[in-house]
Protein backbone atom coordinates (compact mmCIF):
# COMPACT_ATOMS: atom_id res chain seq x y z
CA MET A 1 0.17 -0.22 -0.18
CA THR A 2 1.36 3.50 -0.86
CA LEU A 3 1.17 6.71 0.42
CA ARG A 4 1.36 9.83 -1.15
CA PHE A 5 1.09 13.04 0.47
CA THR A 6 2.20 16.69 1.86
CA TYR A 7 1.96 17.90 4.74
CA GLU A 8 -0.68 20.72 5.51
CA ARG A 9 -1.32 22.89 9.21
CA ASP A 10 -3.71 20.16 10.36
CA ASP A 11 -1.88 17.47 9.58
CA ILE A 12 0.74 17.61 12.34
CA ALA A 13 -1.15 21.20 14.92
CA PRO A 14 -2.56 18.01 17.17
CA ALA A 15 1.14 15.69 16.89
CA ILE A 16 2.90 18.90 17.80
CA ARG A 17 0.19 20.10 19.72
CA ALA A 18 0.48 16.64 21.58
CA ASN A 19 4.64 16.86 22.43
CA PHE A 20 4.09 20.48 23.26
CA PHE A 21 3.50 20.01 27.58
CA SER A 22 6.04 16.59 27.69
CA GLN A 23 9.30 19.42 26.97
CA ALA A 24 11.22 20.28 29.89
CA GLY A 25 11.83 23.57 29.70
CA ILE A 26 7.95 24.57 28.59
CA ARG A 27 6.94 22.26 31.95
CA PHE A 28 9.18 24.23 33.99
CA ASN A 29 8.41 27.60 32.15
CA THR A 30 4.37 26.78 33.35
CA THR A 31 5.38 25.66 37.12
CA LEU A 32 7.27 29.22 37.22
CA ALA A 33 4.82 31.61 35.89
CA LEU A 34 1.54 29.50 37.90
CA CYS A 35 4.32 29.79 40.85
CA LEU A 36 4.39 33.89 40.69
CA ILE A 37 0.16 34.39 39.83
CA ALA A 38 -0.02 32.39 43.70
CA LEU A 39 2.49 34.09 44.93
CA GLY A 40 0.94 37.38 43.32
CA LEU A 41 -2.41 36.64 45.21
CA TRP A 42 -1.46 35.72 48.63
CA LEU A 43 0.81 38.89 48.87
CA SER A 44 -2.31 40.81 47.78
CA VAL A 45 -5.06 38.69 49.99
CA GLY A 46 -2.30 39.23 52.68
CA GLY A 47 -2.37 42.86 52.00
CA ALA A 48 1.26 43.70 51.98
CA ALA A 49 4.31 44.66 49.64
CA GLY A 50 1.30 45.57 46.78
CA GLY A 51 3.57 46.68 44.10
CA LEU A 52 5.74 42.99 44.52
CA ALA A 53 2.24 41.74 44.77
CA MET A 54 1.30 43.29 40.94
CA ALA A 55 4.48 43.02 38.95
CA SER A 56 4.61 39.18 40.40
CA PHE A 57 1.38 38.71 38.79
CA ILE A 58 1.89 40.29 35.06
CA ALA A 59 4.99 38.45 35.10
CA GLY A 60 2.92 35.29 36.10
CA ALA A 61 -0.07 36.11 33.83
CA GLY A 62 2.64 37.27 30.90
CA PHE A 63 4.44 34.23 30.92
CA ILE A 64 1.10 32.16 30.67
CA ALA A 65 0.52 34.61 28.17
CA LEU A 66 3.75 33.67 26.19
CA LEU A 67 2.63 30.20 26.72
CA LEU A 68 -0.32 30.11 24.94
CA ILE A 69 0.31 31.82 22.03
CA MET A 70 3.94 29.27 21.68
CA TRP A 71 1.43 27.14 22.22
CA ILE A 72 -1.11 27.93 19.33
CA PHE A 73 1.61 28.77 16.76
CA SER A 74 3.64 25.80 17.65
CA PRO A 75 2.56 24.08 13.99
CA ASP A 76 3.43 26.88 12.31
CA ILE A 77 7.15 27.57 13.50
CA ALA A 78 7.16 23.89 12.84
CA LEU A 79 6.03 24.77 9.04
CA TRP A 80 8.53 27.26 8.98
CA ARG A 81 11.55 25.32 10.82
CA GLU A 82 11.59 21.68 9.49
CA PRO A 83 11.76 21.13 5.41
CA LYS A 84 10.84 17.97 6.35
CA TYR A 85 6.96 19.21 7.27
CA ARG A 86 6.40 21.04 3.34
CA GLU A 87 8.23 17.65 1.41
CA PHE A 88 6.35 15.18 -0.54
CA TYR A 89 6.26 11.89 1.15
CA ASN A 90 5.47 8.70 -1.07
CA LEU A 91 5.33 5.45 1.34
CA THR A 92 4.79 1.66 0.67
CA TYR A 93 4.01 -0.03 2.98
CA SER A 94 4.24 -3.69 3.23
CA ASP A 95 4.32 -7.27 5.73
CA SER A 96 8.48 -7.04 4.90
CA GLY A 97 8.42 -3.13 6.21
CA VAL A 98 8.00 0.87 4.91
CA THR A 99 9.90 1.97 1.69
CA PHE A 100 10.77 5.85 1.74
CA ARG A 101 11.16 6.83 -1.74
CA LYS A 102 12.11 10.32 -2.76
CA GLY A 103 14.48 12.29 -5.64
CA GLY A 104 15.10 8.83 -7.08
CA VAL A 105 16.14 6.66 -4.33
CA ALA A 106 13.98 4.14 -1.61
CA THR A 107 15.03 3.57 1.12
CA ASN A 108 14.42 0.23 4.11
CA LEU A 109 13.30 0.30 6.74
CA PRO A 110 12.12 -2.73 9.64
CA TRP A 111 8.28 -2.16 11.16
CA SER A 112 10.58 -2.45 14.40
CA ILE A 113 11.64 0.78 14.42
CA TYR A 114 8.71 2.07 15.58
CA SER A 115 7.67 1.75 19.83
CA HIS A 116 4.29 2.85 18.89
CA VAL A 117 1.43 4.36 17.61
CA VAL A 118 -1.49 6.89 18.30
CA ALA A 119 -4.48 6.20 15.95
CA GLU A 120 -7.11 9.11 16.17
CA ALA A 121 -9.27 9.69 13.67
CA SER A 122 -7.68 12.66 11.22
CA CYS A 123 -4.24 10.40 11.47
CA TYR A 124 -1.35 8.10 12.73
CA ARG A 125 1.69 9.33 14.44
CA LEU A 126 4.54 6.23 14.58
CA HIS A 127 6.57 7.08 17.22
CA HIS A 128 10.35 6.13 16.73
CA GLY A 129 13.10 7.09 18.57
CA THR A 130 12.84 8.89 21.67
CA GLU A 131 11.26 12.07 20.73
CA SER A 132 10.71 11.60 16.82
CA TRP A 133 7.78 10.35 15.18
CA ILE A 134 6.18 10.51 11.84
CA VAL A 135 2.19 11.11 11.44
CA LEU A 136 0.68 9.82 8.02
CA PRO A 137 -2.61 11.96 7.27
CA ALA A 138 -6.15 10.03 7.48
CA ARG A 139 -6.43 11.95 4.22
CA ALA A 140 -3.11 10.35 2.41
CA PHE A 141 -6.21 6.94 2.55
CA PHE A 142 -7.40 6.32 -0.59
CA SER A 143 -10.18 4.29 0.43
CA LEU A 144 -11.21 2.53 3.99
CA GLN A 145 -9.92 -0.05 2.81
CA ASP A 146 -6.65 1.21 2.65
CA ARG A 147 -6.43 2.06 6.00
CA ALA A 148 -8.26 -0.67 7.62
CA ARG A 149 -5.55 -2.81 5.08
CA PHE A 150 -2.24 -0.25 7.71
CA GLU A 151 -3.99 -1.40 10.37
CA ALA A 152 -4.23 -4.63 10.14
CA LEU A 153 -0.92 -4.12 9.21
CA LEU A 154 0.25 -1.73 12.68
CA ALA A 155 -1.97 -4.98 14.32
CA ALA A 156 1.37 -6.87 13.05
CA HIS A 157 3.87 -5.35 13.34
CA VAL A 158 3.97 -2.68 15.94
CA PRO A 159 3.80 -3.18 19.57
CA ARG A 160 1.44 -0.96 20.76
CA VAL A 161 -1.27 1.10 19.06
CA GLU A 162 -2.69 3.45 21.44
CA ARG A 163 -6.55 4.80 19.91
CA ARG A 164 -7.66 8.29 20.35
């Protein structure tokens, strides 16, 4: 079964957003922002240090606003920064593995490179490595029968398939 597609923003947005808060720096910044907001609220309720309370609250709220803006625009940033999201994909899936074709060159990869798959209504995320994945948009399948054949290949060759 061969899939041919180029990514659209809506194809990669769920995967990028799902990975957004799993990054250590983002978790730290979110915790810091919430602590600053809590400190500002605590100081303002106590009535002491009004300027410090306001500064703490504004800094925390600013961090939260920045994180939300980053979360909203992270798919656009990924499309801009990563050439792989702008390329044409020609992938063939079979019992023997996955064949990537690009520029007249074919690369064969075994199914064992994938640690798990997240299957959603709009796409499949095939995870390999520590924080790498490939997104297969549902629109790349020509028919429901092709999608069913692909699901059978996943069930036979990938250790863990999560449905969402």
